[in-house]
């Protein structure tokens, strides 16, 4: 998360949004495909990804000075 916090600072400095839903959907599809190929539960992989992304977005919003959704 140290790196994602730095990304959050850069996004804030450049007026970029904290999240990128289209990119997140691409990554979910990729992760679910990889999980299936590895004989792992794709739904669990998606839940894990969503948890991590939510935390990263929270860091980005914090870096931008925005209130969190908690």
C-alpha atoms as a PDB file:
ATOM      1  CA  UNK A   1       0.000   0.000   0.000  1.00  0.00           C
ATOM      2  CA  UNK A   2       3.010   2.300   0.324  1.00  0.00           C
ATOM      3  CA  UNK A   3       3.180   2.532  -3.483  1.00  0.00           C
ATOM      4  CA  UNK A   4      -0.560   3.036  -3.883  1.00  0.00           C
ATOM      5  CA  UNK A   5      -0.405   5.900  -1.386  1.00  0.00           C
ATOM      6  CA  UNK A   6       2.204   7.560  -3.597  1.00  0.00           C
ATOM      7  CA  UNK A   7      -0.065   7.023  -6.608  1.00  0.00           C
ATOM      8  CA  UNK A   8      -2.873   8.645  -4.620  1.00  0.00           C
ATOM      9  CA  UNK A   9      -0.709  11.717  -4.027  1.00  0.00           C
ATOM     10  CA  UNK A  10       0.121  11.940  -7.737  1.00  0.00           C
ATOM     11  CA  UNK A  11      -3.531  11.537  -8.712  1.00  0.00           C
ATOM     12  CA  UNK A  12      -4.504  14.279  -6.262  1.00  0.00           C
ATOM     13  CA  UNK A  13      -1.787  16.609  -7.557  1.00  0.00           C
ATOM     14  CA  UNK A  14      -3.008  16.124 -11.123  1.00  0.00           C
ATOM     15  CA  UNK A  15      -6.732  16.254 -10.394  1.00  0.00           C
ATOM     16  CA  UNK A  16      -7.304  12.630 -11.369  1.00  0.00           C
ATOM     17  CA  UNK A  17     -10.150  10.563  -9.871  1.00  0.00           C
ATOM     18  CA  UNK A  18      -9.376   8.112  -7.083  1.00  0.00           C
ATOM     19  CA  UNK A  19     -10.912   5.207  -8.971  1.00  0.00           C
ATOM     20  CA  UNK A  20     -11.108   3.976 -12.547  1.00  0.00           C
ATOM     21  CA  UNK A  21     -14.163   1.703 -12.797  1.00  0.00           C
ATOM     22  CA  UNK A  22     -13.442   0.612 -16.383  1.00  0.00           C
ATOM     23  CA  UNK A  23      -9.898  -0.449 -15.455  1.00  0.00           C
ATOM     24  CA  UNK A  24     -11.174  -2.213 -12.349  1.00  0.00           C
ATOM     25  CA  UNK A  25     -13.659  -4.214 -14.426  1.00  0.00           C
ATOM     26  CA  UNK A  26     -10.866  -5.249 -16.798  1.00  0.00           C
ATOM     27  CA  UNK A  27      -8.753  -6.393 -13.874  1.00  0.00           C
ATOM     28  CA  UNK A  28     -11.629  -8.324 -12.293  1.00  0.00           C
ATOM     29  CA  UNK A  29     -12.259 -10.185 -15.548  1.00  0.00           C
ATOM     30  CA  UNK A  30      -8.534 -10.951 -15.883  1.00  0.00           C
ATOM     31  CA  UNK A  31      -8.232 -12.101 -12.271  1.00  0.00           C
ATOM     32  CA  UNK A  32     -11.322 -14.314 -12.494  1.00  0.00           C
ATOM     33  CA  UNK A  33      -9.967 -15.899 -15.685  1.00  0.00           C
ATOM     34  CA  UNK A  34      -6.595 -16.561 -14.048  1.00  0.00           C
ATOM     35  CA  UNK A  35      -8.284 -17.969 -10.946  1.00  0.00           C
ATOM     36  CA  UNK A  36     -10.358 -20.356 -13.070  1.00  0.00           C
ATOM     37  CA  UNK A  37      -7.270 -21.471 -14.979  1.00  0.00           C
ATOM     38  CA  UNK A  38      -5.513 -22.143 -11.663  1.00  0.00           C
ATOM     39  CA  UNK A  39      -8.519 -24.124 -10.373  1.00  0.00           C
ATOM     40  CA  UNK A  40      -9.254 -21.481  -7.743  1.00  0.00           C
ATOM     41  CA  UNK A  41     -12.601 -19.896  -6.905  1.00  0.00           C
ATOM     42  CA  UNK A  42     -13.116 -16.926  -9.267  1.00  0.00           C
ATOM     43  CA  UNK A  43     -15.742 -15.402  -6.955  1.00  0.00           C
ATOM     44  CA  UNK A  44     -13.304 -15.396  -4.033  1.00  0.00           C
ATOM     45  CA  UNK A  45     -10.667 -13.810  -6.284  1.00  0.00           C
ATOM     46  CA  UNK A  46     -13.133 -11.060  -7.163  1.00  0.00           C
ATOM     47  CA  UNK A  47     -14.009 -10.450  -3.500  1.00  0.00           C
ATOM     48  CA  UNK A  48     -10.325 -10.245  -2.590  1.00  0.00           C
ATOM     49  CA  UNK A  49      -9.666  -7.822  -5.460  1.00  0.00           C
ATOM     50  CA  UNK A  50     -12.624  -5.636  -4.461  1.00  0.00           C
ATOM     51  CA  UNK A  51     -11.344  -5.486  -0.878  1.00  0.00           C
ATOM     52  CA  UNK A  52      -7.875  -4.402  -2.011  1.00  0.00           C
ATOM     53  CA  UNK A  53      -9.230  -1.846  -4.492  1.00  0.00           C
ATOM     54  CA  UNK A  54     -11.533  -0.346  -1.840  1.00  0.00           C
ATOM     55  CA  UNK A  55      -8.550   0.146   0.457  1.00  0.00           C
ATOM     56  CA  UNK A  56      -6.462   1.672  -2.341  1.00  0.00           C
ATOM     57  CA  UNK A  57      -9.301   4.068  -3.256  1.00  0.00           C
ATOM     58  CA  UNK A  58      -9.602   5.046   0.406  1.00  0.00           C
ATOM     59  CA  UNK A  59      -5.886   5.912   0.407  1.00  0.00           C
ATOM     60  CA  UNK A  60      -6.247   7.898  -2.816  1.00  0.00           C
ATOM     61  CA  UNK A  61      -9.181   9.874  -1.464  1.00  0.00           C
ATOM     62  CA  UNK A  62      -7.295  10.543   1.739  1.00  0.00           C
ATOM     63  CA  UNK A  63      -4.325  11.838  -0.264  1.00  0.00           C
ATOM     64  CA  UNK A  64      -6.696  14.150  -2.120  1.00  0.00           C
ATOM     65  CA  UNK A  65      -8.163  15.413   1.152  1.00  0.00           C
ATOM     66  CA  UNK A  66     -11.568  13.917   0.415  1.00  0.00           C
ATOM     67  CA  UNK A  67     -13.646  12.342   3.173  1.00  0.00           C
ATOM     68  CA  UNK A  68     -13.722   8.551   3.181  1.00  0.00           C
ATOM     69  CA  UNK A  69     -16.912   6.576   2.619  1.00  0.00           C
ATOM     70  CA  UNK A  70     -16.485   4.675   5.913  1.00  0.00           C
END
